Amino acid sequence: MFASAARRRLLQACAAGAVAIALGACGEGKPSFKGSDITGTKLGKDLALTDHNGTARTLKDFEGKVKVVFFGFTQCPDVCPTSLVELADVMKRLGPDADRVQVLLITVDPERDTPEVLKQYVTSFDPRFLALTGNAEQIRKAAASFKAYYAKVPRKDGDYTMDHTAAFYLIDGKGDARVLANNNIGAEALAHDIKALF
């Protein structure tokens, strides 16, 4: 009786070990991201805006490319230009693979960010970058699709600035949201996560 109980425990241990090995093998194909893995969230699926050249855009227009999406505005004093400098650095690090990436800035300030202003702004960092805009309702829908926050903040001088989510959304070539990266993650980590999606 004791021998059969010991044998049963040994078989259970072997079976548990085999399951653990099998599960480990299943996870080998899953990339390890520096940012947060948001696979399965379906963020951004409802994106429908116009680029700075006047072309209507959805994520399907960039099928096969990794999309780096972030929200900002041209009069942003620090976060947006810093993010664009970082993304330009990422494109340099990627070398020829940069052609497999599309950076998309979605303005949260369509009132002041005309297509002409947006074009001049984003292409000054990298000519391949695109800015997306639309009317207030279209911007609201796009932000909601990414669960991104933005709000107008009045200033004492009667002007205003914008508060907004400061993060990079990485979307794979099939159009699925995969990584949410903090805007201070660094160019090396961002390039790593983009490469993981090729």
Foldseek 3Di string as FASTA:
>chain_A
DVVVVVVVVVVVVVVVVVVVVVVVVVCPLPDDAPFDWPFPVQFQQPQWFAKLVGHIDGLLVLAQAKEKEDEEAQVDDPLVVLLLLLVLVLLVVCPPCSVRYEYEYEYQCCVPCHSVNQQVRNVVSPVRYIYTYDDNVSSVVSCVSNVKDKDWAADPVRRIDMDIQRWIFIAANRGTTTGIGHSPSGSVSVSVRSVSRD
